[in-house]
Amino acid sequence: QVQLQESGPGLVKPSQTLSLTCTVSGGSITSSYGARSWIRQSPGKGLEYMGAIGYDGSTYYNPSLKSRTSISRDTSKNQFSLQLSSVTPEDTAVYFCAADSFVRSSQITNPHAYRYWGQGTQVTVSS
């Protein structure tokens, strides 16, 4: 059974950098295929794709967030991470990590293409 777990601070001050880590465990999911993604949902809004890292380490960012977003991975720990810089209260959201070994390259930016999700973690940006 594949499990994903987000971790990181629940409160970030404006202008600071939000940092989250996703730990992947269980099942047969592998970092050798597919992609791993970060997705968020703000209050009253739908899912917003933020970015992903492919099996080969390539990154795919949402153009609207690209200048502030960085996604990296640690394959030895089966973890991948998100950094979002210069946050504002508009970045307050539930942040999800998602993964799938079989997501097609054409679907990497589609949140609904990922079968495995973490439970989500609330991040509030406030002073």
Protein backbone atom coordinates (compact mmCIF):
# COMPACT_ATOMS: atom_id res chain seq x y z
CA GLN A 1 0.00 0.00 0.00
CA VAL A 2 1.55 3.24 -1.15
CA GLN A 3 1.59 6.01 1.41
CA LEU A 4 2.61 9.63 1.07
CA GLN A 5 3.07 11.93 4.04
CA GLU A 6 3.65 15.66 3.94
CA SER A 7 5.66 17.35 6.67
CA GLY A 8 6.64 20.90 7.44
CA PRO A 9 5.60 23.99 9.38
CA GLY A 10 1.94 24.90 9.46
CA LEU A 11 2.58 28.62 9.86
CA VAL A 12 4.86 30.76 7.72
CA LYS A 13 5.35 34.50 7.90
CA PRO A 14 4.87 36.71 4.85
CA SER A 15 7.97 37.11 2.67
CA GLN A 16 9.51 33.93 4.06
CA THR A 17 10.02 30.60 2.28
CA LEU A 18 7.59 27.74 2.70
CA SER A 19 9.32 24.36 2.85
CA LEU A 20 7.54 21.01 2.77
CA THR A 21 8.76 17.44 2.42
CA CYS A 22 6.87 14.40 1.18
CA THR A 23 7.94 10.93 2.27
CA VAL A 24 6.86 8.04 0.05
CA SER A 25 6.60 4.53 1.44
CA GLY A 26 5.05 1.15 0.82
CA GLY A 27 3.75 -0.54 -2.28
CA SER A 28 5.61 -0.87 -5.51
CA ILE A 29 5.86 2.80 -6.41
CA THR A 30 9.25 3.66 -7.69
CA SER A 31 11.06 6.86 -8.48
CA SER A 32 12.39 5.22 -11.63
CA TYR A 33 9.22 6.02 -13.55
CA GLY A 34 6.47 8.60 -13.64
CA ALA A 35 6.52 11.75 -11.56
CA ARG A 36 5.96 13.26 -8.15
CA SER A 37 3.98 16.44 -7.75
CA TRP A 38 2.92 19.21 -5.41
CA ILE A 39 -0.64 20.45 -5.56
CA ARG A 40 -2.49 22.92 -3.35
CA GLN A 41 -6.03 23.97 -2.63
CA SER A 42 -6.86 27.39 -1.26
CA PRO A 43 -10.08 28.03 0.65
CA GLY A 44 -13.03 28.02 -1.72
CA LYS A 45 -10.91 27.18 -4.76
CA GLY A 46 -10.09 24.11 -6.77
CA LEU A 47 -6.89 22.15 -6.98
CA GLU A 48 -3.89 24.07 -8.25
CA TYR A 49 -0.95 22.21 -9.76
CA MET A 50 2.30 23.72 -8.51
CA GLY A 51 4.99 21.58 -10.03
CA ALA A 52 6.44 18.11 -10.40
CA ILE A 53 9.71 16.26 -10.62
CA GLY A 54 10.04 13.46 -13.10
CA TYR A 55 11.79 10.13 -12.74
CA ASP A 56 14.87 11.58 -14.41
CA GLY A 57 14.97 14.64 -12.18
CA SER A 58 13.41 16.98 -14.71
CA THR A 59 11.12 19.60 -13.19
CA TYR A 60 7.84 20.95 -14.50
CA TYR A 61 6.52 24.10 -12.88
CA ASN A 62 3.24 25.95 -13.10
CA PRO A 63 4.21 29.07 -15.07
CA SER A 64 2.33 31.29 -12.65
CA LEU A 65 4.45 30.02 -9.74
CA LYS A 66 7.69 29.16 -11.49
CA SER A 67 9.66 32.15 -10.30
CA ARG A 68 8.98 31.25 -6.66
CA THR A 69 8.92 27.43 -6.74
CA SER A 70 11.62 24.82 -6.41
CA ILE A 71 11.09 21.05 -6.24
CA SER A 72 13.86 18.64 -5.39
CA ARG A 73 14.25 15.03 -4.35
CA ASP A 74 16.32 12.71 -2.19
CA THR A 75 16.03 9.28 -3.76
CA SER A 76 18.01 7.65 -0.94
CA LYS A 77 15.26 8.64 1.50
CA ASN A 78 12.39 8.33 -1.00
CA GLN A 79 11.48 11.94 -0.34
CA PHE A 80 10.78 14.98 -2.45
CA SER A 81 10.48 18.56 -1.33
CA LEU A 82 8.81 21.86 -2.17
CA GLN A 83 10.11 25.33 -1.55
CA LEU A 84 7.92 28.36 -2.25
CA SER A 85 9.61 31.70 -1.70
CA SER A 86 8.29 35.16 -0.91
CA VAL A 87 4.98 33.84 0.38
CA THR A 88 1.94 36.03 0.94
CA PRO A 89 -1.39 35.33 2.66
CA GLU A 90 -2.68 34.26 -0.77
CA ASP A 91 -0.42 31.21 -0.47
CA THR A 92 -2.48 29.96 2.47
CA ALA A 93 -3.77 26.56 1.41
CA VAL A 94 -3.80 22.84 2.01
CA TYR A 95 -0.72 21.45 0.31
CA PHE A 96 -0.75 17.93 -1.10
CA CYS A 97 1.98 15.76 -2.48
CA ALA A 98 1.07 13.20 -5.11
CA ALA A 99 2.89 10.50 -7.01
CA ASP A 100 2.37 7.93 -9.71
CA SER A 101 4.85 5.68 -11.48
CA PHE A 102 2.65 5.59 -14.58
CA VAL A 103 1.65 9.19 -15.10
CA ARG A 104 2.30 10.10 -18.72
CA SER A 105 4.53 13.02 -19.53
CA SER A 106 1.59 14.74 -21.23
CA GLN A 107 -0.39 14.51 -17.98
CA ILE A 108 2.26 15.55 -15.47
CA THR A 109 0.58 18.94 -14.91
CA ASN A 110 -2.86 17.38 -14.38
CA PRO A 111 -3.57 16.84 -10.65
CA HIS A 112 -6.15 14.18 -11.47
CA ALA A 113 -3.55 12.04 -13.24
CA TYR A 114 -1.93 11.02 -9.93
CA ARG A 115 -3.32 7.98 -8.15
CA TYR A 116 -1.46 8.34 -4.87
CA TRP A 117 -1.88 11.34 -2.61
CA GLY A 118 -0.86 12.45 0.83
CA GLN A 119 -3.54 13.53 3.26
CA GLY A 120 -2.58 17.17 2.84
CA THR A 121 -1.13 19.67 5.25
CA GLN A 122 -2.55 23.08 6.10
CA VAL A 123 -0.13 25.95 5.66
CA THR A 124 -1.15 29.40 6.81
CA VAL A 125 0.77 32.52 5.85
CA SER A 126 0.35 35.12 8.54
CA SER A 127 2.42 37.44 10.65
